[in-house]
């Protein structure tokens, strides 16, 4: 069994321990799970999913907006 895996983190090659999970990347990158979605090979994965050698990791920032239109009951 390998001690490390090589993944592409935002197109930069990184070496990580073989037992790295998606949840570990949130901590390593300092991302909040509620404002950032990590994608593994273009797909969202569960936090307890293990990364594999050669995975491509990217992320999406999640933004929240309030509607500028008032709801009917507020009028």
Protein backbone atom coordinates (compact mmCIF):
# COMPACT_ATOMS: atom_id res chain seq x y z
CA UNK A 1 0.00 0.00 0.00
CA UNK A 2 1.23 3.49 -0.83
CA UNK A 3 1.93 6.00 1.90
CA UNK A 4 0.94 8.96 -0.30
CA UNK A 5 -1.36 9.78 -3.18
CA UNK A 6 -0.88 12.48 -5.79
CA UNK A 7 -3.90 14.62 -6.55
CA UNK A 8 -4.39 17.76 -8.60
CA UNK A 9 -5.60 20.57 -6.38
CA UNK A 10 -6.74 23.45 -8.59
CA UNK A 11 -4.43 22.10 -11.32
CA UNK A 12 -1.40 21.97 -8.99
CA UNK A 13 -0.02 18.55 -8.08
CA UNK A 14 -0.13 17.84 -4.34
CA UNK A 15 1.03 14.85 -2.34
CA UNK A 16 -1.32 13.79 0.45
CA UNK A 17 -1.48 10.85 2.86
CA UNK A 18 -3.17 7.81 1.28
CA UNK A 19 -6.06 7.99 3.78
CA UNK A 20 -7.08 11.61 3.02
CA UNK A 21 -10.82 12.21 2.92
CA UNK A 22 -12.78 15.10 1.38
CA UNK A 23 -13.44 16.40 4.90
CA UNK A 24 -9.67 16.64 5.48
CA UNK A 25 -9.35 18.92 2.44
CA UNK A 26 -11.86 21.40 3.87
CA UNK A 27 -9.59 21.77 6.91
CA UNK A 28 -6.35 21.82 4.88
CA UNK A 29 -7.67 24.55 2.57
CA UNK A 30 -9.44 26.50 5.33
CA UNK A 31 -12.80 26.29 3.55
CA UNK A 32 -16.18 26.39 5.23
CA UNK A 33 -18.49 23.59 4.06
CA UNK A 34 -21.44 26.00 4.01
CA UNK A 35 -19.80 28.43 1.60
CA UNK A 36 -17.65 26.13 -0.57
CA UNK A 37 -18.40 22.88 -2.39
CA UNK A 38 -15.42 20.64 -3.14
CA UNK A 39 -15.66 18.65 -6.35
CA UNK A 40 -13.70 15.46 -6.99
CA UNK A 41 -13.28 14.80 -10.71
CA UNK A 42 -16.08 17.28 -11.36
CA UNK A 43 -18.60 15.71 -8.96
CA UNK A 44 -19.56 16.45 -5.36
CA UNK A 45 -18.52 13.70 -2.95
CA UNK A 46 -19.48 12.89 0.64
CA UNK A 47 -17.17 14.24 3.34
CA UNK A 48 -16.15 10.70 4.32
CA UNK A 49 -15.10 9.74 0.75
CA UNK A 50 -11.44 8.86 0.36
CA UNK A 51 -9.40 10.55 -2.32
CA UNK A 52 -7.61 8.40 -4.87
CA UNK A 53 -4.37 8.78 -6.73
CA UNK A 54 -4.83 11.13 -9.70
CA UNK A 55 -8.06 12.80 -8.49
CA UNK A 56 -8.71 16.34 -9.72
CA UNK A 57 -10.01 18.58 -6.92
CA UNK A 58 -11.81 21.82 -7.72
CA UNK A 59 -14.26 23.95 -5.79
CA UNK A 60 -17.26 26.20 -6.15
CA UNK A 61 -17.98 29.17 -3.93
CA UNK A 62 -21.57 29.31 -2.74
CA UNK A 63 -23.13 32.75 -2.38
CA UNK A 64 -26.38 33.74 -0.78
CA UNK A 65 -28.56 36.61 -1.90
CA UNK A 66 -31.71 38.07 -0.49
CA UNK A 67 -34.40 38.86 -2.98
CA UNK A 68 -34.80 42.58 -3.62
CA UNK A 69 -38.53 41.92 -4.12
CA UNK A 70 -40.66 42.05 -1.01
CA UNK A 71 -43.00 39.17 -0.43
CA UNK A 72 -46.74 39.79 -0.56
CA UNK A 73 -47.27 39.31 3.20
CA UNK A 74 -44.67 42.01 3.96
CA UNK A 75 -46.60 44.67 2.03
